[in-house]
Amino acid sequence: MRSGRSAAYLALQPEAVRSADLIRFLRHLHRHVRGHIVLFWDGLHGHRSLETTAYLQTHRDWLTVYRLPAYAPELNPVEGMWSWFKGGVVPNLCADGLAPLRHEPRRGRRRLQRRPDLLQGFLHKAGLFL
């Protein structure tokens, strides 16, 4: 990925996100994204666990993580993205099972990737600039 470009990556799972899940996702990102990766993380327990913290410490050469303050959704660019998803990708979705709940967000992520202006807008609204 070129410097200054933003992208949205999405991993869906039916159960709670744990440290092992986060580390697996980070390994996947590292295999598929060239260059340095910058993450903005909220206070999810898995983000703060000893296992995750140890992994982050040993991979600073390709990964930088900024922790957002607690109870500050206005500083989290993901909040703008989820609002866009709820209003434009899955409004009024009443799924009969998990399949549509997996398909629609993935479809929305593909749409979002074609709109770098939206991704930059989510960052700018949170006061972040690449």
C-alpha atoms as a PDB file:
ATOM      1  CA  MET A   1       0.000   0.000   0.000  1.00  0.00           C
ATOM      2  CA  ARG A   2       1.328   3.418  -0.908  1.00  0.00           C
ATOM      3  CA  SER A   3       1.915   5.972   1.795  1.00  0.00           C
ATOM      4  CA  GLY A   4      -1.102   8.140   2.520  1.00  0.00           C
ATOM      5  CA  ARG A   5      -3.645   5.572   1.312  1.00  0.00           C
ATOM      6  CA  SER A   6      -6.263   4.210   3.616  1.00  0.00           C
ATOM      7  CA  ALA A   7      -8.130   0.944   3.335  1.00  0.00           C
ATOM      8  CA  ALA A   8     -10.792  -0.904   5.266  1.00  0.00           C
ATOM      9  CA  TYR A   9     -10.290  -4.531   6.229  1.00  0.00           C
ATOM     10  CA  LEU A  10     -13.023  -6.586   7.781  1.00  0.00           C
ATOM     11  CA  ALA A  11     -13.070  -9.889   9.644  1.00  0.00           C
ATOM     12  CA  LEU A  12     -16.405 -11.291  10.740  1.00  0.00           C
ATOM     13  CA  GLN A  13     -16.954 -14.027  13.269  1.00  0.00           C
ATOM     14  CA  PRO A  14     -20.006 -15.174  15.210  1.00  0.00           C
ATOM     15  CA  GLU A  15     -18.383 -15.202  18.652  1.00  0.00           C
ATOM     16  CA  ALA A  16     -16.493 -12.682  20.789  1.00  0.00           C
ATOM     17  CA  VAL A  17     -13.175 -11.381  19.458  1.00  0.00           C
ATOM     18  CA  ARG A  18     -10.267 -12.706  21.494  1.00  0.00           C
ATOM     19  CA  SER A  19      -6.518 -12.094  21.414  1.00  0.00           C
ATOM     20  CA  ALA A  20      -5.827 -15.137  19.240  1.00  0.00           C
ATOM     21  CA  ASP A  21      -8.382 -13.859  16.699  1.00  0.00           C
ATOM     22  CA  LEU A  22      -6.752 -10.425  16.596  1.00  0.00           C
ATOM     23  CA  ILE A  23      -3.279 -11.876  16.161  1.00  0.00           C
ATOM     24  CA  ARG A  24      -4.505 -14.164  13.372  1.00  0.00           C
ATOM     25  CA  PHE A  25      -6.052 -11.135  11.638  1.00  0.00           C
ATOM     26  CA  LEU A  26      -2.834  -9.105  12.021  1.00  0.00           C
ATOM     27  CA  ARG A  27      -0.804 -11.942  10.521  1.00  0.00           C
ATOM     28  CA  HIS A  28      -3.250 -12.067   7.618  1.00  0.00           C
ATOM     29  CA  LEU A  29      -2.883  -8.311   7.074  1.00  0.00           C
ATOM     30  CA  HIS A  30       0.897  -8.561   7.142  1.00  0.00           C
ATOM     31  CA  ARG A  31       0.840 -11.274   4.459  1.00  0.00           C
ATOM     32  CA  HIS A  32      -1.467  -9.295   2.168  1.00  0.00           C
ATOM     33  CA  VAL A  33      -0.605  -5.631   2.734  1.00  0.00           C
ATOM     34  CA  ARG A  34       2.769  -4.289   1.681  1.00  0.00           C
ATOM     35  CA  GLY A  35       4.459  -1.671   3.752  1.00  0.00           C
ATOM     36  CA  HIS A  36       3.855  -0.322   7.205  1.00  0.00           C
ATOM     37  CA  ILE A  37       0.406  -0.815   8.759  1.00  0.00           C
ATOM     38  CA  VAL A  38      -1.128   1.759  11.097  1.00  0.00           C
ATOM     39  CA  LEU A  39      -4.097   0.770  13.277  1.00  0.00           C
ATOM     40  CA  PHE A  40      -6.378   2.876  15.447  1.00  0.00           C
ATOM     41  CA  TRP A  41      -7.755   0.746  18.256  1.00  0.00           C
ATOM     42  CA  ASP A  42     -10.378   1.317  20.886  1.00  0.00           C
ATOM     43  CA  GLY A  43     -10.374  -0.235  24.344  1.00  0.00           C
ATOM     44  CA  LEU A  44     -11.566  -3.725  23.421  1.00  0.00           C
ATOM     45  CA  HIS A  45     -10.192  -6.168  25.983  1.00  0.00           C
ATOM     46  CA  GLY A  46      -8.494  -8.219  23.259  1.00  0.00           C
ATOM     47  CA  HIS A  47      -6.628  -5.082  22.137  1.00  0.00           C
ATOM     48  CA  ARG A  48      -5.189  -4.654  25.643  1.00  0.00           C
ATOM     49  CA  SER A  49      -4.442  -8.264  26.590  1.00  0.00           C
ATOM     50  CA  LEU A  50      -0.945  -9.427  27.500  1.00  0.00           C
ATOM     51  CA  GLU A  51      -0.870 -11.769  24.498  1.00  0.00           C
ATOM     52  CA  THR A  52      -1.821  -9.027  22.029  1.00  0.00           C
ATOM     53  CA  THR A  53       0.497  -6.482  23.644  1.00  0.00           C
ATOM     54  CA  ALA A  54       3.424  -8.909  23.410  1.00  0.00           C
ATOM     55  CA  TYR A  55       2.674  -9.555  19.731  1.00  0.00           C
ATOM     56  CA  LEU A  56       2.534  -5.816  18.995  1.00  0.00           C
ATOM     57  CA  GLN A  57       5.836  -5.215  20.784  1.00  0.00           C
ATOM     58  CA  THR A  58       7.642  -7.790  18.650  1.00  0.00           C
ATOM     59  CA  HIS A  59       6.287  -6.458  15.331  1.00  0.00           C
ATOM     60  CA  ARG A  60       6.936  -2.732  15.543  1.00  0.00           C
ATOM     61  CA  ASP A  61       8.985  -2.877  12.351  1.00  0.00           C
ATOM     62  CA  TRP A  62       5.811  -3.170  10.208  1.00  0.00           C
ATOM     63  CA  LEU A  63       2.990  -2.303  12.605  1.00  0.00           C
ATOM     64  CA  THR A  64       2.058   0.833  14.555  1.00  0.00           C
ATOM     65  CA  VAL A  65      -0.974   0.937  16.841  1.00  0.00           C
ATOM     66  CA  TYR A  66      -2.565   4.072  18.242  1.00  0.00           C
ATOM     67  CA  ARG A  67      -4.942   3.507  21.107  1.00  0.00           C
ATOM     68  CA  LEU A  68      -7.960   5.755  21.206  1.00  0.00           C
ATOM     69  CA  PRO A  69      -9.114   7.203  24.531  1.00  0.00           C
ATOM     70  CA  ALA A  70     -11.959   5.486  26.326  1.00  0.00           C
ATOM     71  CA  TYR A  71     -15.478   6.783  25.696  1.00  0.00           C
ATOM     72  CA  ALA A  72     -14.464   8.940  22.737  1.00  0.00           C
ATOM     73  CA  PRO A  73     -16.414   7.636  19.726  1.00  0.00           C
ATOM     74  CA  GLU A  74     -15.958  10.996  17.978  1.00  0.00           C
ATOM     75  CA  LEU A  75     -12.219  10.197  17.732  1.00  0.00           C
ATOM     76  CA  ASN A  76     -12.771   6.734  16.245  1.00  0.00           C
ATOM     77  CA  PRO A  77     -12.969   6.710  12.421  1.00  0.00           C
ATOM     78  CA  VAL A  78     -14.638   3.299  12.555  1.00  0.00           C
ATOM     79  CA  GLU A  79     -17.742   4.902  14.073  1.00  0.00           C
ATOM     80  CA  GLY A  80     -18.278   6.886  10.852  1.00  0.00           C
ATOM     81  CA  MET A  81     -17.735   3.762   8.801  1.00  0.00           C
ATOM     82  CA  TRP A  82     -20.282   1.757  10.838  1.00  0.00           C
ATOM     83  CA  SER A  83     -22.776   4.594  10.500  1.00  0.00           C
ATOM     84  CA  TRP A  84     -22.296   4.497   6.721  1.00  0.00           C
ATOM     85  CA  PHE A  85     -22.722   0.696   6.757  1.00  0.00           C
ATOM     86  CA  LYS A  86     -25.906   0.840   8.817  1.00  0.00           C
ATOM     87  CA  GLY A  87     -27.453   3.591   6.687  1.00  0.00           C
ATOM     88  CA  GLY A  88     -26.293   2.563   3.234  1.00  0.00           C
ATOM     89  CA  VAL A  89     -25.300  -1.092   3.174  1.00  0.00           C
ATOM     90  CA  VAL A  90     -27.628  -2.927   5.542  1.00  0.00           C
ATOM     91  CA  PRO A  91     -30.538  -0.591   6.319  1.00  0.00           C
ATOM     92  CA  ASN A  92     -33.520  -2.549   7.576  1.00  0.00           C
ATOM     93  CA  LEU A  93     -31.767  -5.896   7.006  1.00  0.00           C
ATOM     94  CA  CYS A  94     -33.785  -8.658   8.642  1.00  0.00           C
ATOM     95  CA  ALA A  95     -31.710 -11.747   7.959  1.00  0.00           C
ATOM     96  CA  ASP A  96     -33.027 -15.288   8.294  1.00  0.00           C
ATOM     97  CA  GLY A  97     -29.570 -16.619   9.114  1.00  0.00           C
ATOM     98  CA  LEU A  98     -25.885 -15.752   9.320  1.00  0.00           C
ATOM     99  CA  ALA A  99     -25.162 -15.945   5.571  1.00  0.00           C
ATOM    100  CA  PRO A 100     -26.663 -12.511   4.713  1.00  0.00           C
ATOM    101  CA  LEU A 101     -25.005 -11.042   7.786  1.00  0.00           C
ATOM    102  CA  ARG A 102     -21.663 -12.134   6.357  1.00  0.00           C
ATOM    103  CA  HIS A 103     -22.368 -11.302   2.717  1.00  0.00           C
ATOM    104  CA  GLU A 104     -23.749  -7.766   3.019  1.00  0.00           C
ATOM    105  CA  PRO A 105     -20.912  -6.257   5.105  1.00  0.00           C
ATOM    106  CA  ARG A 106     -18.363  -7.813   2.741  1.00  0.00           C
ATOM    107  CA  ARG A 107     -20.219  -6.352  -0.233  1.00  0.00           C
ATOM    108  CA  GLY A 108     -20.263  -2.993   1.538  1.00  0.00           C
ATOM    109  CA  ARG A 109     -16.523  -3.175   2.236  1.00  0.00           C
ATOM    110  CA  ARG A 110     -15.871  -3.746  -1.475  1.00  0.00           C
ATOM    111  CA  ARG A 111     -17.989  -0.681  -2.280  1.00  0.00           C
ATOM    112  CA  LEU A 112     -16.115   1.303   0.321  1.00  0.00           C
ATOM    113  CA  GLN A 113     -12.730   0.330  -1.124  1.00  0.00           C
ATOM    114  CA  ARG A 114     -13.794   1.954  -4.407  1.00  0.00           C
ATOM    115  CA  ARG A 115     -14.517   5.185  -2.498  1.00  0.00           C
ATOM    116  CA  PRO A 116     -11.226   6.406  -1.021  1.00  0.00           C
ATOM    117  CA  ASP A 117     -12.891   9.787  -0.484  1.00  0.00           C
ATOM    118  CA  LEU A 118     -15.240   8.162   2.045  1.00  0.00           C
ATOM    119  CA  LEU A 119     -12.394   6.454   3.872  1.00  0.00           C
ATOM    120  CA  GLN A 120     -10.490   9.736   4.065  1.00  0.00           C
ATOM    121  CA  GLY A 121     -13.689  11.439   5.243  1.00  0.00           C
ATOM    122  CA  PHE A 122     -14.058   9.008   8.147  1.00  0.00           C
ATOM    123  CA  LEU A 123     -10.468   9.746   9.160  1.00  0.00           C
ATOM    124  CA  HIS A 124     -10.831  13.516   8.766  1.00  0.00           C
ATOM    125  CA  LYS A 125     -14.076  13.589  10.784  1.00  0.00           C
ATOM    126  CA  ALA A 126     -12.128  11.968  13.632  1.00  0.00           C
ATOM    127  CA  GLY A 127      -9.354  14.554  13.244  1.00  0.00           C
ATOM    128  CA  LEU A 128      -6.900  12.135  11.618  1.00  0.00           C
ATOM    129  CA  PHE A 129      -4.960  12.887   8.440  1.00  0.00           C
ATOM    130  CA  LEU A 130      -2.654  10.638   6.410  1.00  0.00           C
END
